[in-house]
Amino acid sequence: MSDIARPTDAGHIPAAGHIPAAGLASAAGAAPAATALAATDAATMPRAARPRGRHGWAPPAWLQAMPMGLVFALFFVLPLALVVVVSFWDYNDYEILPSFTLRSYTETFEGCYDQLPGLCTIFKTYVTTAELCFAVWAITLVIGFTISYFLAFHVRSLTMQIVLALLCTIPFWTSNVIRMISWIPLLGRNGLVNQALTQAGVVDAPLEWLLYSRFSVILAFVHLFTFFMVIPIFNSMVRIDKRLIEAAYDAGATGWQTLWNVVVPLCKPGIVIGSIFVVTIVMGDFVTVGVMGGQQIASAGKIIETRLNALQFPPAAANAVILLAATLLIITALTKVVDIRKEL
């Protein structure tokens, strides 16, 4: 009987070595319940009365995002809204009339219905712009994917990967205009390329289409914007687990099968992001088209520039809205290939 613990009196706490087994079980069962009750109380407690963390009060997520949201609204949403509003205003030879009208849009598409099934001027211009955009996108995609693949899978050292990736940024140390016009001494009628081809006997006369043509415009675009395709694809490739490549080879896949069925699907986010960069820049560019095309090639950006030079701001705004809509359609089609937010 002496070995059996007697019930303790109220207010009497037994020694640690003499706590009954039943007491231990009840204490162990009460601990989770107490924790859950405390969590419930904390969740229902008013925010102002909640205890602060170690670093003080943490602002809510919407308050943390407010500064960036204000910058975005001030420098993107507001200017875009102004462009849309001005596109519906009237104008004359010397002023803008703030009255609602569809004149700028009707003038832009004037004669399109009468020329069916042919294309009117505005549609021909957008077809030309789309052709240039597609050609530049395809070439930059091939070059960017090749460079990224080399950096990700053939350069083993992380240091060398970083160094070689930074080398791609060297052309950006100079102005785009300087990099663009540097092709003129090379591609001109008396340029280095024509001289080399003529002296080698490859051609009898200088090639006229090397400069001030679609070829020179596409070449300049590829030179200027390939970097925007390299970095997103390279960023996706370096995240690929190399064991997947080894597993594909162990399963008997050839190099092309591994590339197409393993590498390319895992690089889709980078391909789409790079494509969005290239497409949006090329669609709105007018300087490169004007300089390298010899002011002979029409593009969507050139229409806006021409309207602005004539101080016709509502038509320029209307064409900007149309260009934005066309670009958004292309971007929407690209994002259908892969959900970027989900993949990232």
Protein backbone atom coordinates (compact mmCIF):
# COMPACT_ATOMS: atom_id res chain seq x y z
CA MET A 1 0.00 0.00 0.00
CA SER A 2 2.88 2.32 0.61
CA ASP A 3 3.88 2.04 -3.05
CA ILE A 4 0.50 3.37 -4.24
CA ALA A 5 0.41 7.14 -4.60
CA ARG A 6 -2.32 8.75 -2.62
CA PRO A 7 -4.46 11.52 -4.08
CA THR A 8 -2.97 14.88 -3.34
CA ASP A 9 -4.78 17.50 -1.42
CA ALA A 10 -5.93 20.67 -3.10
CA GLY A 11 -3.06 23.07 -3.46
CA HIS A 12 -0.51 20.35 -2.80
CA ILE A 13 1.93 19.74 -5.69
CA PRO A 14 3.66 16.38 -5.67
CA ALA A 15 7.34 16.06 -6.25
CA ALA A 16 8.55 15.53 -9.75
CA GLY A 17 9.57 11.98 -9.07
CA HIS A 18 6.18 11.08 -7.61
CA ILE A 19 3.77 12.39 -10.33
CA PRO A 20 1.13 9.73 -10.97
CA ALA A 21 0.96 8.08 -14.42
CA ALA A 22 -2.65 9.22 -14.81
CA GLY A 23 -1.54 12.81 -14.21
CA LEU A 24 1.09 12.54 -16.90
CA ALA A 25 -1.46 11.28 -19.41
CA SER A 26 -3.95 14.03 -18.64
CA ALA A 27 -1.23 16.72 -18.88
CA ALA A 28 -0.06 15.35 -22.21
CA GLY A 29 -3.59 15.39 -23.57
CA ALA A 30 -4.27 18.90 -22.34
CA ALA A 31 -1.19 20.43 -24.01
CA PRO A 32 -2.46 20.17 -27.64
CA ALA A 33 -5.88 21.38 -26.59
CA ALA A 34 -4.36 24.41 -24.91
CA THR A 35 -2.25 25.14 -28.00
CA ALA A 36 -5.28 24.92 -30.28
CA LEU A 37 -7.28 27.18 -27.98
CA ALA A 38 -4.50 29.77 -27.95
CA ALA A 39 -4.29 29.71 -31.75
CA THR A 40 -8.05 30.17 -32.00
CA ASP A 41 -7.94 33.11 -29.62
CA ALA A 42 -5.11 34.70 -31.60
CA ALA A 43 -7.03 34.29 -34.86
CA THR A 44 -10.19 35.87 -33.47
CA MET A 45 -8.36 38.60 -31.60
CA PRO A 46 -8.60 42.09 -33.17
CA ARG A 47 -5.56 42.92 -35.33
CA ALA A 48 -4.62 45.89 -33.17
CA ALA A 49 -4.63 43.72 -30.04
CA ARG A 50 -2.50 40.92 -31.48
CA PRO A 51 1.00 40.58 -30.09
CA ARG A 52 3.76 42.01 -32.21
CA GLY A 53 6.48 39.90 -33.73
CA ARG A 54 10.11 40.02 -32.91
CA HIS A 55 10.69 42.81 -35.44
CA GLY A 56 7.58 44.81 -34.56
CA TRP A 57 4.31 45.22 -36.44
CA ALA A 58 4.28 43.84 -39.99
CA PRO A 59 2.16 45.85 -42.47
CA PRO A 60 -0.41 43.96 -44.54
CA ALA A 61 0.44 42.78 -48.04
CA TRP A 62 -1.61 45.46 -49.82
CA LEU A 63 0.22 48.20 -47.92
CA GLN A 64 3.60 46.73 -48.85
CA ALA A 65 2.62 46.62 -52.52
CA MET A 66 1.18 50.15 -52.53
CA PRO A 67 4.42 52.04 -53.45
CA MET A 68 5.05 49.87 -56.48
CA GLY A 69 1.38 50.02 -57.36
CA LEU A 70 1.45 53.82 -57.28
CA VAL A 71 4.53 53.91 -59.52
CA PHE A 72 2.87 51.48 -61.94
CA ALA A 73 -0.33 53.52 -62.00
CA LEU A 74 1.48 56.85 -62.42
CA PHE A 75 3.92 55.86 -65.16
CA PHE A 76 1.96 53.18 -67.03
CA VAL A 77 -1.78 53.11 -66.39
CA LEU A 78 -2.29 56.88 -66.43
CA PRO A 79 -0.31 57.56 -69.66
CA LEU A 80 -2.02 54.62 -71.35
CA ALA A 81 -5.42 55.92 -70.29
CA LEU A 82 -4.56 59.37 -71.66
CA VAL A 83 -3.57 57.86 -75.01
CA VAL A 84 -6.88 56.01 -75.21
CA VAL A 85 -8.83 59.16 -74.31
CA VAL A 86 -6.99 61.36 -76.83
CA SER A 87 -7.61 58.79 -79.57
CA PHE A 88 -11.33 59.65 -79.35
CA TRP A 89 -10.81 63.42 -79.55
CA ASP A 90 -11.28 65.56 -82.64
CA TYR A 91 -8.62 67.80 -84.18
CA ASN A 92 -7.96 70.32 -86.90
CA ASP A 93 -4.85 71.80 -88.47
CA TYR A 94 -3.68 73.64 -85.37
CA GLU A 95 -5.38 72.27 -82.24
CA ILE A 96 -6.92 69.29 -80.49
CA LEU A 97 -10.64 69.48 -79.80
CA PRO A 98 -11.66 67.57 -76.65
CA SER A 99 -14.93 66.23 -78.06
CA PHE A 100 -15.79 62.57 -78.51
CA THR A 101 -15.49 61.30 -82.07
CA LEU A 102 -14.45 58.17 -83.98
CA ARG A 103 -12.82 60.22 -86.72
CA SER A 104 -9.27 59.02 -86.04
CA TYR A 105 -10.32 55.36 -86.28
CA THR A 106 -12.51 55.82 -89.34
CA GLU A 107 -9.71 57.68 -91.14
CA THR A 108 -7.26 54.91 -90.24
CA PHE A 109 -9.45 52.20 -91.78
CA GLU A 110 -10.81 54.38 -94.57
CA GLY A 111 -11.32 52.45 -97.81
CA CYS A 112 -10.68 49.03 -96.30
CA TYR A 113 -14.20 47.80 -96.96
CA ASP A 114 -14.21 49.03 -100.56
CA GLN A 115 -10.93 47.27 -101.36
CA LEU A 116 -12.07 43.83 -100.20
CA PRO A 117 -10.97 41.11 -100.84
CA GLY A 118 -7.75 43.08 -101.18
CA LEU A 119 -5.96 44.76 -98.32
CA CYS A 120 -6.04 48.45 -97.63
CA THR A 121 -2.99 50.45 -96.64
CA ILE A 122 -3.29 49.96 -92.90
CA PHE A 123 -3.67 46.19 -93.20
CA LYS A 124 -0.79 45.95 -95.67
CA THR A 125 1.34 47.87 -93.20
CA TYR A 126 0.45 45.53 -90.36
CA VAL A 127 1.11 42.49 -92.54
CA THR A 128 4.56 43.87 -93.33
CA THR A 129 5.18 44.52 -89.64
CA ALA A 130 4.02 41.00 -88.75
CA GLU A 131 6.31 39.47 -91.38
CA LEU A 132 9.31 41.37 -90.04
CA CYS A 133 8.35 40.44 -86.50
CA PHE A 134 8.00 36.74 -87.32
CA ALA A 135 11.32 36.61 -89.16
CA VAL A 136 13.16 38.35 -86.33
CA TRP A 137 11.45 36.14 -83.73
CA ALA A 138 12.37 32.91 -85.53
CA ILE A 139 16.03 33.88 -86.04
CA THR A 140 16.52 35.21 -82.52
CA LEU A 141 14.86 32.08 -81.11
CA VAL A 142 17.26 29.76 -82.94
CA ILE A 143 20.32 31.83 -82.03
CA GLY A 144 19.20 32.44 -78.46
CA PHE A 145 18.35 28.79 -77.85
CA THR A 146 21.70 27.64 -79.27
CA ILE A 147 23.72 30.06 -77.15
CA SER A 148 21.71 29.23 -74.04
CA TYR A 149 22.12 25.50 -74.60
CA PHE A 150 25.87 25.91 -74.93
CA LEU A 151 26.11 27.98 -71.77
CA ALA A 152 23.87 25.70 -69.72
CA PHE A 153 25.06 22.24 -70.75
CA HIS A 154 28.54 22.61 -72.24
CA VAL A 155 30.08 25.19 -69.91
CA ARG A 156 30.59 23.34 -66.63
CA SER A 157 32.02 26.15 -64.55
CA LEU A 158 29.50 28.52 -62.98
CA THR A 159 32.07 31.31 -63.16
CA MET A 160 32.52 30.84 -66.89
CA GLN A 161 28.76 30.74 -67.37
CA ILE A 162 28.44 34.10 -65.66
CA VAL A 163 31.40 35.56 -67.58
CA LEU A 164 30.09 34.41 -70.96
CA ALA A 165 26.58 35.62 -70.14
CA LEU A 166 27.98 39.02 -69.22
CA LEU A 167 29.85 39.13 -72.52
CA CYS A 168 26.47 39.14 -74.23
CA THR A 169 25.78 42.48 -72.55
CA ILE A 170 28.84 44.22 -74.01
CA PRO A 171 26.95 45.51 -77.10
CA PHE A 172 24.56 47.29 -74.74
CA TRP A 173 27.41 49.49 -73.57
CA THR A 174 26.86 51.55 -76.72
CA SER A 175 23.77 53.18 -78.13
CA ASN A 176 21.32 51.17 -80.23
CA VAL A 177 21.61 53.78 -82.96
CA ILE A 178 25.41 53.41 -83.12
CA ARG A 179 25.18 49.63 -83.23
CA MET A 180 22.55 49.86 -85.95
CA ILE A 181 24.30 52.30 -88.28
CA SER A 182 27.55 50.36 -87.92
CA TRP A 183 26.11 47.98 -90.52
CA ILE A 184 25.94 50.68 -93.19
CA PRO A 185 29.71 50.73 -94.00
CA LEU A 186 29.59 46.94 -94.19
CA LEU A 187 26.46 46.45 -96.30
CA GLY A 188 26.58 49.54 -98.54
CA ARG A 189 27.14 49.42 -102.29
CA ASN A 190 30.82 50.17 -101.74
CA GLY A 191 30.93 48.49 -98.35
CA LEU A 192 33.28 45.78 -97.16
CA VAL A 193 30.90 42.91 -97.91
CA ASN A 194 30.27 43.93 -101.52
CA GLN A 195 33.96 44.61 -102.08
CA ALA A 196 34.90 41.20 -100.71
CA LEU A 197 32.27 39.41 -102.84
CA THR A 198 33.28 41.32 -105.98
CA GLN A 199 37.00 40.73 -105.52
CA ALA A 200 36.41 37.05 -104.80
CA GLY A 201 34.45 36.72 -108.04
CA VAL A 202 31.29 35.58 -106.28
CA VAL A 203 29.24 38.39 -107.86
CA ASP A 204 29.85 40.57 -110.88
CA ALA A 205 28.19 43.67 -109.47
CA PRO A 206 27.53 44.94 -105.95
CA LEU A 207 24.42 43.53 -104.32
CA GLU A 208 21.84 46.26 -103.91
CA TRP A 209 19.58 44.36 -101.51
CA LEU A 210 22.14 44.17 -98.72
CA LEU A 211 21.25 47.65 -97.49
CA TYR A 212 18.01 49.63 -97.32
CA SER A 213 15.92 46.51 -97.64
CA ARG A 214 14.02 44.01 -95.51
CA PHE A 215 17.22 42.00 -95.20
CA SER A 216 19.10 44.87 -93.57
CA VAL A 217 16.16 45.65 -91.26
CA ILE A 218 15.92 42.04 -90.10
CA LEU A 219 19.70 41.81 -89.68
CA ALA A 220 19.74 44.95 -87.52
CA PHE A 221 16.82 43.69 -85.42
CA VAL A 222 18.53 40.35 -84.83
CA HIS A 223 21.75 42.09 -83.86
CA LEU A 224 19.97 44.42 -81.46
CA PHE A 225 17.50 42.10 -79.75
CA THR A 226 18.93 38.57 -79.66
CA PHE A 227 20.10 39.21 -76.10
CA PHE A 228 16.48 39.53 -74.98
CA MET A 229 15.95 35.94 -76.10
CA VAL A 230 19.18 34.53 -74.68
CA ILE A 231 18.78 35.47 -71.01
CA PRO A 232 15.23 34.12 -70.36
CA ILE A 233 15.99 30.82 -72.11
CA PHE A 234 19.31 30.47 -70.32
CA ASN A 235 17.59 31.16 -67.01
CA SER A 236 15.15 28.30 -67.70
CA MET A 237 17.86 25.91 -68.85
CA VAL A 238 20.09 26.29 -65.81
CA ARG A 239 17.15 25.19 -63.65
CA ILE A 240 16.82 21.86 -65.45
CA ASP A 241 17.92 18.94 -63.32
CA LYS A 242 20.82 17.31 -65.18
CA ARG A 243 19.68 13.93 -63.91
CA LEU A 244 16.69 14.20 -66.26
CA ILE A 245 19.06 14.42 -69.22
CA GLU A 246 21.03 11.42 -67.96
CA ALA A 247 17.82 9.47 -67.42
CA ALA A 248 16.70 10.19 -70.97
CA TYR A 249 20.00 8.90 -72.37
CA ASP A 250 19.84 5.85 -70.10
CA ALA A 251 16.35 5.13 -71.46
CA GLY A 252 17.79 5.02 -74.99
CA ALA A 253 16.76 8.45 -76.23
CA THR A 254 18.88 10.07 -78.90
CA GLY A 255 20.25 13.59 -78.59
CA TRP A 256 17.44 15.10 -80.69
CA GLN A 257 14.78 13.13 -78.78
CA THR A 258 16.18 14.36 -75.48
CA LEU A 259 16.32 17.91 -76.77
CA TRP A 260 12.76 17.89 -78.09
CA ASN A 261 11.05 15.86 -75.36
CA VAL A 262 12.98 16.99 -72.27
CA VAL A 263 14.85 20.26 -72.78
CA VAL A 264 12.38 22.17 -74.95
CA PRO A 265 9.28 21.51 -72.75
CA LEU A 266 11.18 22.59 -69.65
CA CYS A 267 12.37 25.75 -71.45
CA LYS A 268 8.91 26.88 -72.55
CA PRO A 269 8.64 29.63 -69.91
CA GLY A 270 11.94 31.16 -71.02
CA ILE A 271 11.02 30.84 -74.69
CA VAL A 272 7.67 32.57 -74.14
CA ILE A 273 9.17 35.37 -72.04
CA GLY A 274 11.93 35.99 -74.60
CA SER A 275 9.38 35.91 -77.40
CA ILE A 276 7.26 38.52 -75.63
CA PHE A 277 10.31 40.78 -75.27
CA VAL A 278 11.28 40.49 -78.94
CA VAL A 279 7.75 40.77 -80.34
CA THR A 280 6.78 43.84 -78.33
CA ILE A 281 10.00 45.68 -79.20
CA VAL A 282 9.92 44.88 -82.92
CA MET A 283 6.22 45.66 -83.32
CA GLY A 284 6.65 49.21 -82.02
CA ASP A 285 10.09 50.03 -83.44
CA PHE A 286 10.33 52.73 -86.08
CA VAL A 287 13.93 53.97 -85.85
CA THR A 288 15.52 50.75 -87.09
CA VAL A 289 12.94 50.34 -89.85
CA GLY A 290 13.48 53.92 -90.97
CA VAL A 291 17.29 53.95 -90.94
CA MET A 292 18.02 50.43 -92.19
CA GLY A 293 15.06 50.43 -94.57
CA GLY A 294 16.00 53.74 -96.13
CA GLN A 295 12.57 55.20 -95.27
CA GLN A 296 11.13 52.83 -97.88
CA ILE A 297 9.50 50.21 -95.64
CA ALA A 298 6.23 50.90 -93.88
CA SER A 299 5.58 49.65 -90.38
CA ALA A 300 3.08 50.21 -87.60
CA GLY A 301 5.59 52.30 -85.66
CA LYS A 302 6.31 54.46 -88.73
CA ILE A 303 2.62 55.34 -89.03
CA ILE A 304 2.60 56.70 -85.48
CA GLU A 305 5.84 58.61 -86.09
CA THR A 306 4.45 60.18 -89.26
CA ARG A 307 1.30 61.31 -87.46
CA LEU A 308 3.31 62.78 -84.59
CA ASN A 309 5.59 64.67 -86.99
CA ALA A 310 2.48 66.18 -88.55
CA LEU A 311 1.22 67.14 -85.05
CA GLN A 312 -1.87 64.98 -85.56
CA PHE A 313 -2.01 63.61 -82.03
CA PRO A 314 -5.48 61.96 -82.02
CA PRO A 315 -4.72 59.84 -85.13
CA ALA A 316 -1.33 58.96 -83.63
CA ALA A 317 -3.03 57.91 -80.40
CA ALA A 318 -5.60 55.86 -82.34
CA ASN A 319 -2.85 54.03 -84.22
CA ALA A 320 -1.05 53.46 -80.93
CA VAL A 321 -4.20 51.86 -79.48
CA ILE A 322 -4.55 49.65 -82.58
CA LEU A 323 -0.90 48.63 -82.33
CA LEU A 324 -1.32 47.86 -78.64
CA ALA A 325 -4.37 45.69 -79.38
CA ALA A 326 -2.50 43.78 -82.10
CA THR A 327 0.49 43.24 -79.82
CA LEU A 328 -1.73 42.04 -76.98
CA LEU A 329 -3.34 39.50 -79.33
CA ILE A 330 0.09 38.10 -80.18
CA ILE A 331 1.12 38.01 -76.51
CA THR A 332 -2.14 36.28 -75.60
CA ALA A 333 -1.48 33.63 -78.23
CA LEU A 334 2.03 33.10 -76.84
CA THR A 335 0.79 32.77 -73.27
CA LYS A 336 -1.63 30.06 -74.40
CA VAL A 337 1.39 27.87 -75.08
CA VAL A 338 2.41 27.86 -71.43
CA ASP A 339 1.05 29.40 -68.25
CA ILE A 340 3.99 31.60 -67.26
CA ARG A 341 2.70 32.34 -63.77
CA LYS A 342 2.23 28.65 -63.05
CA GLU A 343 5.59 27.59 -64.45
CA LEU A 344 7.57 30.31 -62.67
